């Protein structure tokens, strides 16, 4: 591991990547293995967050599963290697995929109950908030001073 991160930073970054990896792993396995069940029953425990939003499309559900599987693989690879650029790219990927998803669901709250909307939006916000919190930790020590000297 060729980083100048402190043990504490490494622990926080790994923890954040682990939290980010949970939802894509769960979604990927479920959507790929049982797309109709995912559509009808996600997130589980008697809740239904996908079915109220539109008609079933197996292709779309499987694509979502595949995309989530890719995010999971990227998060795990970054978590294991802690390569600075890979971690930054992973956090950016979660942010770029998570922000439009969060915005859509924040704007389209009609089909779900208030409680389901709150729970859904809180979960979706994690894929935006965690990368925003972790990205500053990935800067190299003295990077600001180096940039300022070049200006």
N, C-alpha and C. Protein backbone atom coordinates (compact mmCIF):
# COMPACT_ATOMS: atom_id res chain seq x y z
N UNK A 1 0.85 -1.16 0.00
CA UNK A 1 0.00 0.00 0.00
C UNK A 1 0.90 1.23 0.00
N UNK A 2 0.93 1.92 -1.12
CA UNK A 2 1.83 3.06 -1.28
C UNK A 2 1.10 4.37 -1.05
N UNK A 3 0.53 4.55 0.14
CA UNK A 3 -0.14 5.80 0.46
C UNK A 3 0.54 6.41 1.67
N UNK A 4 0.34 7.70 1.83
CA UNK A 4 0.84 8.37 3.02
C UNK A 4 -0.28 8.57 4.03
N UNK A 5 -1.35 7.79 3.89
CA UNK A 5 -2.48 7.90 4.79
C UNK A 5 -2.12 7.33 6.16
N UNK A 6 -2.64 7.98 7.18
CA UNK A 6 -2.46 7.46 8.53
C UNK A 6 -3.32 6.22 8.71
N UNK A 7 -3.01 5.48 9.74
CA UNK A 7 -3.81 4.28 10.04
C UNK A 7 -5.28 4.65 10.23
N UNK A 8 -5.53 5.78 10.89
CA UNK A 8 -6.90 6.24 11.12
C UNK A 8 -7.62 6.56 9.82
N UNK A 9 -6.94 7.23 8.89
CA UNK A 9 -7.56 7.53 7.59
C UNK A 9 -7.86 6.25 6.83
N UNK A 10 -6.92 5.33 6.84
CA UNK A 10 -7.14 4.05 6.15
C UNK A 10 -8.36 3.34 6.71
N UNK A 11 -8.49 3.36 8.03
CA UNK A 11 -9.62 2.69 8.68
C UNK A 11 -10.94 3.36 8.29
N UNK A 12 -10.98 4.68 8.29
CA UNK A 12 -12.20 5.42 7.93
C UNK A 12 -12.55 5.17 6.46
N UNK A 13 -11.55 5.23 5.58
CA UNK A 13 -11.80 5.02 4.16
C UNK A 13 -12.29 3.59 3.90
N UNK A 14 -11.63 2.63 4.51
CA UNK A 14 -12.08 1.23 4.35
C UNK A 14 -13.50 1.05 4.89
N UNK A 15 -13.79 1.63 6.02
CA UNK A 15 -15.12 1.53 6.59
C UNK A 15 -16.18 2.15 5.68
N UNK A 16 -15.87 3.31 5.14
CA UNK A 16 -16.81 3.96 4.23
C UNK A 16 -17.03 3.16 2.96
N UNK A 17 -15.95 2.60 2.40
CA UNK A 17 -16.08 1.75 1.21
C UNK A 17 -16.89 0.50 1.52
N UNK A 18 -16.71 -0.06 2.70
CA UNK A 18 -17.47 -1.25 3.10
C UNK A 18 -18.96 -0.92 3.19
N UNK A 19 -19.29 0.22 3.79
CA UNK A 19 -20.69 0.64 3.87
C UNK A 19 -21.26 0.84 2.47
N UNK A 20 -20.50 1.50 1.61
CA UNK A 20 -20.97 1.72 0.24
C UNK A 20 -21.19 0.41 -0.51
N UNK A 21 -20.40 -0.61 -0.22
CA UNK A 21 -20.47 -1.88 -0.95
C UNK A 21 -21.68 -2.73 -0.58
N UNK A 22 -22.27 -2.50 0.58
CA UNK A 22 -23.35 -3.37 1.06
C UNK A 22 -24.56 -3.33 0.13
N UNK A 23 -25.10 -2.16 -0.15
CA UNK A 23 -26.32 -2.07 -0.97
C UNK A 23 -26.12 -2.63 -2.37
N UNK A 24 -25.03 -2.28 -3.08
CA UNK A 24 -24.86 -2.87 -4.41
C UNK A 24 -24.75 -4.39 -4.40
N UNK A 25 -24.12 -4.94 -3.37
CA UNK A 25 -24.01 -6.41 -3.29
C UNK A 25 -25.39 -7.03 -3.14
N UNK A 26 -26.18 -6.49 -2.24
CA UNK A 26 -27.52 -7.00 -1.98
C UNK A 26 -28.41 -6.86 -3.21
N UNK A 27 -28.40 -5.67 -3.82
CA UNK A 27 -29.22 -5.41 -5.01
C UNK A 27 -28.77 -6.30 -6.17
N UNK A 28 -27.47 -6.40 -6.39
CA UNK A 28 -26.95 -7.18 -7.52
C UNK A 28 -27.35 -8.64 -7.43
N UNK A 29 -27.13 -9.24 -6.29
CA UNK A 29 -27.45 -10.67 -6.14
C UNK A 29 -28.94 -10.89 -6.34
N UNK A 30 -29.75 -10.08 -5.69
CA UNK A 30 -31.20 -10.26 -5.77
C UNK A 30 -31.72 -10.00 -7.18
N UNK A 31 -31.33 -8.87 -7.78
CA UNK A 31 -31.85 -8.50 -9.10
C UNK A 31 -31.39 -9.47 -10.19
N UNK A 32 -30.19 -9.99 -10.08
CA UNK A 32 -29.69 -10.93 -11.09
C UNK A 32 -30.24 -12.33 -10.89
N UNK A 33 -30.37 -12.77 -9.66
CA UNK A 33 -30.82 -14.14 -9.39
C UNK A 33 -32.34 -14.28 -9.50
N UNK A 34 -33.07 -13.26 -9.10
CA UNK A 34 -34.53 -13.35 -9.08
C UNK A 34 -35.14 -11.99 -9.43
N UNK A 35 -35.04 -11.59 -10.71
CA UNK A 35 -35.47 -10.25 -11.08
C UNK A 35 -36.94 -9.94 -10.76
N UNK A 36 -37.82 -10.92 -10.94
CA UNK A 36 -39.24 -10.65 -10.65
C UNK A 36 -39.46 -10.45 -9.15
N UNK A 37 -38.80 -11.25 -8.34
CA UNK A 37 -38.90 -11.09 -6.90
C UNK A 37 -38.35 -9.73 -6.47
N UNK A 38 -37.22 -9.32 -7.06
CA UNK A 38 -36.64 -8.01 -6.76
C UNK A 38 -37.66 -6.91 -7.08
N UNK A 39 -38.24 -6.97 -8.27
CA UNK A 39 -39.22 -5.97 -8.70
C UNK A 39 -40.41 -5.93 -7.74
N UNK A 40 -40.94 -7.09 -7.39
CA UNK A 40 -42.14 -7.16 -6.56
C UNK A 40 -41.89 -6.85 -5.08
N UNK A 41 -40.69 -7.16 -4.57
CA UNK A 41 -40.48 -7.17 -3.12
C UNK A 41 -39.37 -6.27 -2.59
N UNK A 42 -38.62 -5.58 -3.44
CA UNK A 42 -37.53 -4.75 -2.93
C UNK A 42 -38.11 -3.59 -2.14
N UNK A 43 -37.59 -3.29 -0.97
CA UNK A 43 -36.37 -3.73 -0.30
C UNK A 43 -36.55 -4.93 0.62
N UNK A 44 -37.75 -5.48 0.69
CA UNK A 44 -38.02 -6.61 1.56
C UNK A 44 -38.80 -6.19 2.79
N UNK A 45 -39.00 -7.13 3.71
CA UNK A 45 -39.71 -6.89 4.96
C UNK A 45 -41.11 -6.30 4.72
N UNK A 46 -41.76 -6.75 3.64
CA UNK A 46 -43.11 -6.29 3.34
C UNK A 46 -43.20 -4.95 2.64
N UNK A 47 -42.08 -4.35 2.33
CA UNK A 47 -42.05 -3.05 1.64
C UNK A 47 -41.95 -3.31 0.14
N UNK A 48 -42.44 -2.39 -0.67
CA UNK A 48 -42.36 -2.50 -2.13
C UNK A 48 -42.00 -1.12 -2.68
N UNK A 49 -40.75 -0.96 -3.12
CA UNK A 49 -40.31 0.34 -3.61
C UNK A 49 -40.12 0.40 -5.12
N UNK A 50 -40.07 -0.73 -5.80
CA UNK A 50 -39.84 -0.72 -7.24
C UNK A 50 -41.16 -0.86 -8.00
N UNK A 51 -41.97 -1.84 -7.63
CA UNK A 51 -43.23 -2.12 -8.34
C UNK A 51 -44.14 -0.90 -8.48
N UNK A 52 -44.26 -0.02 -7.49
CA UNK A 52 -45.16 1.13 -7.65
C UNK A 52 -44.68 2.15 -8.68
N UNK A 53 -43.45 2.01 -9.14
CA UNK A 53 -42.88 3.03 -10.03
C UNK A 53 -43.06 2.76 -11.52
N UNK A 54 -43.56 1.60 -11.89
CA UNK A 54 -43.76 1.33 -13.31
C UNK A 54 -43.84 -0.15 -13.58
N UNK A 55 -44.14 -0.51 -14.83
CA UNK A 55 -44.32 -1.92 -15.17
C UNK A 55 -43.01 -2.71 -15.10
N UNK A 56 -43.16 -3.99 -14.85
CA UNK A 56 -42.02 -4.90 -14.76
C UNK A 56 -41.30 -5.00 -16.10
N UNK A 57 -39.98 -4.94 -16.05
CA UNK A 57 -39.14 -5.11 -17.24
C UNK A 57 -37.91 -5.92 -16.79
N UNK A 58 -37.90 -7.21 -17.10
CA UNK A 58 -36.82 -8.10 -16.66
C UNK A 58 -35.46 -7.60 -17.13
N UNK A 59 -35.40 -7.12 -18.37
CA UNK A 59 -34.13 -6.63 -18.90
C UNK A 59 -33.61 -5.47 -18.05
N UNK A 60 -34.47 -4.53 -17.74
CA UNK A 60 -34.06 -3.38 -16.94
C UNK A 60 -33.61 -3.80 -15.54
N UNK A 61 -34.35 -4.69 -14.91
CA UNK A 61 -33.98 -5.15 -13.57
C UNK A 61 -32.63 -5.86 -13.60
N UNK A 62 -32.42 -6.71 -14.60
CA UNK A 62 -31.12 -7.41 -14.71
C UNK A 62 -29.99 -6.43 -15.00
N UNK A 63 -30.25 -5.39 -15.82
CA UNK A 63 -29.23 -4.36 -16.06
C UNK A 63 -28.86 -3.63 -14.77
N UNK A 64 -29.87 -3.29 -13.98
CA UNK A 64 -29.61 -2.65 -12.69
C UNK A 64 -28.74 -3.56 -11.83
N UNK A 65 -29.08 -4.85 -11.80
CA UNK A 65 -28.28 -5.80 -11.05
C UNK A 65 -26.84 -5.85 -11.52
N UNK A 66 -26.65 -5.84 -12.84
CA UNK A 66 -25.29 -5.87 -13.40
C UNK A 66 -24.51 -4.61 -13.05
N UNK A 67 -25.16 -3.46 -13.15
CA UNK A 67 -24.48 -2.19 -12.81
C UNK A 67 -24.12 -2.15 -11.33
N UNK A 68 -25.02 -2.65 -10.49
CA UNK A 68 -24.73 -2.68 -9.06
C UNK A 68 -23.61 -3.66 -8.74
N UNK A 69 -23.55 -4.76 -9.48
CA UNK A 69 -22.47 -5.72 -9.31
C UNK A 69 -21.12 -5.07 -9.64
N UNK A 70 -21.10 -4.25 -10.68
CA UNK A 70 -19.87 -3.54 -11.05
C UNK A 70 -19.45 -2.57 -9.95
N UNK A 71 -20.40 -1.82 -9.39
CA UNK A 71 -20.07 -0.90 -8.29
C UNK A 71 -19.54 -1.67 -7.08
N UNK A 72 -20.16 -2.81 -6.79
CA UNK A 72 -19.70 -3.65 -5.68
C UNK A 72 -18.26 -4.10 -5.91
N UNK A 73 -17.97 -4.62 -7.11
CA UNK A 73 -16.62 -5.10 -7.42
C UNK A 73 -15.61 -3.97 -7.29
N UNK A 74 -15.95 -2.80 -7.79
CA UNK A 74 -15.05 -1.65 -7.71
C UNK A 74 -14.80 -1.26 -6.25
N UNK A 75 -15.85 -1.24 -5.45
CA UNK A 75 -15.70 -0.88 -4.03
C UNK A 75 -14.83 -1.87 -3.29
N UNK A 76 -15.03 -3.15 -3.56
CA UNK A 76 -14.21 -4.18 -2.89
C UNK A 76 -12.76 -4.07 -3.32
N UNK A 77 -12.51 -3.88 -4.59
CA UNK A 77 -11.14 -3.74 -5.09
C UNK A 77 -10.46 -2.53 -4.44
N UNK A 78 -11.18 -1.42 -4.36
CA UNK A 78 -10.62 -0.21 -3.73
C UNK A 78 -10.38 -0.44 -2.24
N UNK A 79 -11.31 -1.11 -1.58
CA UNK A 79 -11.19 -1.38 -0.15
C UNK A 79 -9.97 -2.25 0.14
N UNK A 80 -9.72 -3.24 -0.71
CA UNK A 80 -8.61 -4.16 -0.49
C UNK A 80 -7.27 -3.49 -0.79
N UNK A 81 -7.19 -2.79 -1.91
CA UNK A 81 -5.90 -2.23 -2.33
C UNK A 81 -5.59 -0.88 -1.69
N UNK A 82 -6.62 -0.10 -1.42
CA UNK A 82 -6.47 1.27 -0.94
C UNK A 82 -5.54 2.10 -1.83
N UNK A 83 -5.50 1.77 -3.09
CA UNK A 83 -4.76 2.61 -4.04
C UNK A 83 -5.48 3.96 -4.13
N UNK A 84 -4.76 5.05 -3.93
CA UNK A 84 -5.36 6.38 -3.84
C UNK A 84 -6.25 6.70 -5.04
N UNK A 85 -5.74 6.53 -6.23
CA UNK A 85 -6.52 6.87 -7.44
C UNK A 85 -7.72 5.95 -7.59
N UNK A 86 -7.58 4.68 -7.27
CA UNK A 86 -8.70 3.74 -7.35
C UNK A 86 -9.77 4.11 -6.33
N UNK A 87 -9.36 4.46 -5.13
CA UNK A 87 -10.32 4.89 -4.11
C UNK A 87 -11.04 6.15 -4.58
N UNK A 88 -10.30 7.11 -5.11
CA UNK A 88 -10.93 8.34 -5.60
C UNK A 88 -11.90 8.04 -6.74
N UNK A 89 -11.51 7.19 -7.68
CA UNK A 89 -12.38 6.83 -8.79
C UNK A 89 -13.63 6.11 -8.31
N UNK A 90 -13.48 5.24 -7.32
CA UNK A 90 -14.61 4.51 -6.77
C UNK A 90 -15.58 5.47 -6.08
N UNK A 91 -15.05 6.36 -5.29
CA UNK A 91 -15.92 7.34 -4.62
C UNK A 91 -16.62 8.22 -5.64
N UNK A 92 -15.92 8.62 -6.68
CA UNK A 92 -16.53 9.41 -7.74
C UNK A 92 -17.62 8.62 -8.46
N UNK A 93 -17.39 7.34 -8.72
CA UNK A 93 -18.39 6.51 -9.39
C UNK A 93 -19.66 6.41 -8.54
N UNK A 94 -19.51 6.21 -7.24
CA UNK A 94 -20.69 6.16 -6.37
C UNK A 94 -21.41 7.50 -6.35
N UNK A 95 -20.67 8.58 -6.30
CA UNK A 95 -21.26 9.91 -6.28
C UNK A 95 -22.01 10.20 -7.58
N UNK A 96 -21.37 9.89 -8.71
CA UNK A 96 -21.96 10.17 -10.02
C UNK A 96 -23.19 9.30 -10.28
N UNK A 97 -23.20 8.07 -9.80
CA UNK A 97 -24.38 7.23 -9.98
C UNK A 97 -25.44 7.52 -8.91
N UNK A 98 -25.00 7.88 -7.73
CA UNK A 98 -25.93 8.08 -6.62
C UNK A 98 -26.69 9.40 -6.66
N UNK A 99 -26.05 10.46 -7.12
CA UNK A 99 -26.71 11.77 -7.08
C UNK A 99 -27.94 11.84 -7.99
N UNK A 100 -27.85 11.42 -9.26
CA UNK A 100 -29.08 11.46 -10.08
C UNK A 100 -30.17 10.53 -9.55
N UNK A 101 -29.77 9.40 -8.97
CA UNK A 101 -30.74 8.46 -8.40
C UNK A 101 -31.46 9.13 -7.22
N UNK A 102 -30.70 9.78 -6.36
CA UNK A 102 -31.27 10.49 -5.22
C UNK A 102 -32.19 11.61 -5.69
N UNK A 103 -31.76 12.39 -6.66
CA UNK A 103 -32.57 13.50 -7.17
C UNK A 103 -33.88 12.99 -7.75
N UNK A 104 -33.82 11.91 -8.52
CA UNK A 104 -35.05 11.35 -9.10
C UNK A 104 -36.04 10.98 -8.00
N UNK A 105 -35.57 10.23 -7.01
CA UNK A 105 -36.48 9.77 -5.98
C UNK A 105 -36.94 10.90 -5.06
N UNK A 106 -36.15 11.93 -4.91
CA UNK A 106 -36.59 13.10 -4.13
C UNK A 106 -37.70 13.85 -4.87
N UNK A 107 -37.65 13.82 -6.18
CA UNK A 107 -38.66 14.52 -6.98
C UNK A 107 -39.91 13.68 -7.22
N UNK A 108 -39.78 12.36 -7.17
CA UNK A 108 -40.89 11.44 -7.47
C UNK A 108 -41.29 10.68 -6.21
N UNK A 109 -41.92 11.36 -5.28
CA UNK A 109 -42.26 10.73 -4.01
C UNK A 109 -43.69 10.21 -3.97
N UNK A 110 -44.50 10.52 -4.95
CA UNK A 110 -45.91 10.17 -4.96
C UNK A 110 -46.25 8.70 -4.75
N UNK A 111 -45.56 7.78 -5.43
CA UNK A 111 -45.97 6.38 -5.33
C UNK A 111 -45.70 5.71 -3.97
N UNK A 112 -44.86 6.29 -3.14
CA UNK A 112 -44.50 5.64 -1.87
C UNK A 112 -45.08 6.41 -0.68
N UNK A 113 -45.25 5.71 0.42
CA UNK A 113 -45.72 6.35 1.66
C UNK A 113 -44.61 7.28 2.19
N UNK A 114 -44.98 8.12 3.12
CA UNK A 114 -44.00 9.04 3.72
C UNK A 114 -42.86 8.26 4.38
N UNK A 115 -43.20 7.23 5.13
CA UNK A 115 -42.17 6.43 5.79
C UNK A 115 -41.24 5.76 4.80
N UNK A 116 -41.81 5.20 3.72
CA UNK A 116 -40.98 4.56 2.70
C UNK A 116 -40.11 5.59 1.97
N UNK A 117 -40.65 6.77 1.72
CA UNK A 117 -39.85 7.82 1.09
C UNK A 117 -38.68 8.23 1.98
N UNK A 118 -38.94 8.41 3.25
CA UNK A 118 -37.87 8.79 4.19
C UNK A 118 -36.79 7.72 4.21
N UNK A 119 -37.19 6.47 4.34
CA UNK A 119 -36.21 5.38 4.38
C UNK A 119 -35.45 5.26 3.07
N UNK A 120 -36.15 5.35 1.96
CA UNK A 120 -35.52 5.25 0.65
C UNK A 120 -34.52 6.38 0.43
N UNK A 121 -34.95 7.60 0.70
CA UNK A 121 -34.08 8.76 0.48
C UNK A 121 -32.88 8.74 1.43
N UNK A 122 -33.06 8.28 2.65
CA UNK A 122 -31.93 8.18 3.59
C UNK A 122 -30.90 7.20 3.06
N UNK A 123 -31.37 6.05 2.59
CA UNK A 123 -30.45 5.06 2.02
C UNK A 123 -29.75 5.58 0.78
N UNK A 124 -30.49 6.23 -0.10
CA UNK A 124 -29.89 6.77 -1.32
C UNK A 124 -28.90 7.89 -1.02
N UNK A 125 -29.17 8.64 0.03
CA UNK A 125 -28.27 9.75 0.39
C UNK A 125 -26.90 9.25 0.82
N UNK A 126 -26.82 8.03 1.35
CA UNK A 126 -25.53 7.49 1.78
C UNK A 126 -24.53 7.43 0.62
N UNK A 127 -25.03 7.07 -0.58
CA UNK A 127 -24.10 6.94 -1.71
C UNK A 127 -23.66 8.30 -2.24
N UNK A 128 -24.19 9.38 -1.68
CA UNK A 128 -23.74 10.73 -2.02
C UNK A 128 -22.92 11.31 -0.87
N UNK A 129 -23.43 11.16 0.34
CA UNK A 129 -22.79 11.76 1.52
C UNK A 129 -21.45 11.09 1.83
N UNK A 130 -21.40 9.77 1.77
CA UNK A 130 -20.15 9.06 2.11
C UNK A 130 -19.02 9.46 1.15
N UNK A 131 -19.23 9.42 -0.17
CA UNK A 131 -18.14 9.86 -1.05
C UNK A 131 -17.74 11.32 -0.81
N UNK A 132 -18.72 12.20 -0.58
CA UNK A 132 -18.38 13.61 -0.32
C UNK A 132 -17.56 13.76 0.96
N UNK A 133 -17.83 12.92 1.95
CA UNK A 133 -17.08 12.97 3.21
C UNK A 133 -15.68 12.37 3.07
N UNK A 134 -15.57 11.31 2.25
CA UNK A 134 -14.29 10.60 2.14
C UNK A 134 -13.33 11.21 1.13
N UNK A 135 -13.85 11.82 0.09
CA UNK A 135 -12.94 12.36 -0.95
C UNK A 135 -11.88 13.30 -0.39
N UNK A 136 -12.22 14.23 0.50
CA UNK A 136 -11.17 15.09 1.05
C UNK A 136 -10.07 14.32 1.79
N UNK A 137 -10.40 13.17 2.34
CA UNK A 137 -9.41 12.37 3.06
C UNK A 137 -8.40 11.72 2.11
N UNK A 138 -8.71 11.67 0.82
CA UNK A 138 -7.84 11.00 -0.14
C UNK A 138 -6.78 11.93 -0.72
N UNK A 139 -6.81 13.20 -0.34
CA UNK A 139 -5.80 14.14 -0.84
C UNK A 139 -4.45 13.80 -0.25
N UNK A 140 -3.43 14.02 -1.01
CA UNK A 140 -2.07 13.83 -0.52
C UNK A 140 -1.73 14.92 0.49
N UNK A 141 -0.94 14.55 1.47
CA UNK A 141 -0.46 15.54 2.43
C UNK A 141 0.34 16.59 1.69
N UNK A 142 0.07 17.85 1.99
CA UNK A 142 0.82 18.93 1.36
C UNK A 142 0.38 19.25 -0.06
N UNK A 143 -0.70 18.62 -0.53
CA UNK A 143 -1.15 18.86 -1.91
C UNK A 143 -1.55 20.31 -2.10
N UNK A 144 -2.21 20.91 -1.11
CA UNK A 144 -2.62 22.30 -1.24
C UNK A 144 -1.41 23.21 -1.33
N UNK A 145 -0.38 22.92 -0.54
CA UNK A 145 0.83 23.75 -0.58
C UNK A 145 1.51 23.62 -1.94
N UNK A 146 1.55 22.42 -2.51
CA UNK A 146 2.15 22.22 -3.82
C UNK A 146 1.39 22.98 -4.88
N UNK A 147 0.08 22.93 -4.85
CA UNK A 147 -0.74 23.65 -5.82
C UNK A 147 -0.53 25.14 -5.67
N UNK A 148 -0.51 25.63 -4.43
CA UNK A 148 -0.35 27.05 -4.19
C UNK A 148 1.01 27.55 -4.66
N UNK A 149 2.06 26.74 -4.52
CA UNK A 149 3.39 27.16 -4.97
C UNK A 149 3.44 27.29 -6.50
N UNK A 150 2.67 26.47 -7.20
CA UNK A 150 2.66 26.51 -8.66
C UNK A 150 1.89 27.70 -9.18
N UNK A 151 0.97 28.22 -8.41
CA UNK A 151 0.10 29.33 -8.88
C UNK A 151 0.85 30.62 -9.03
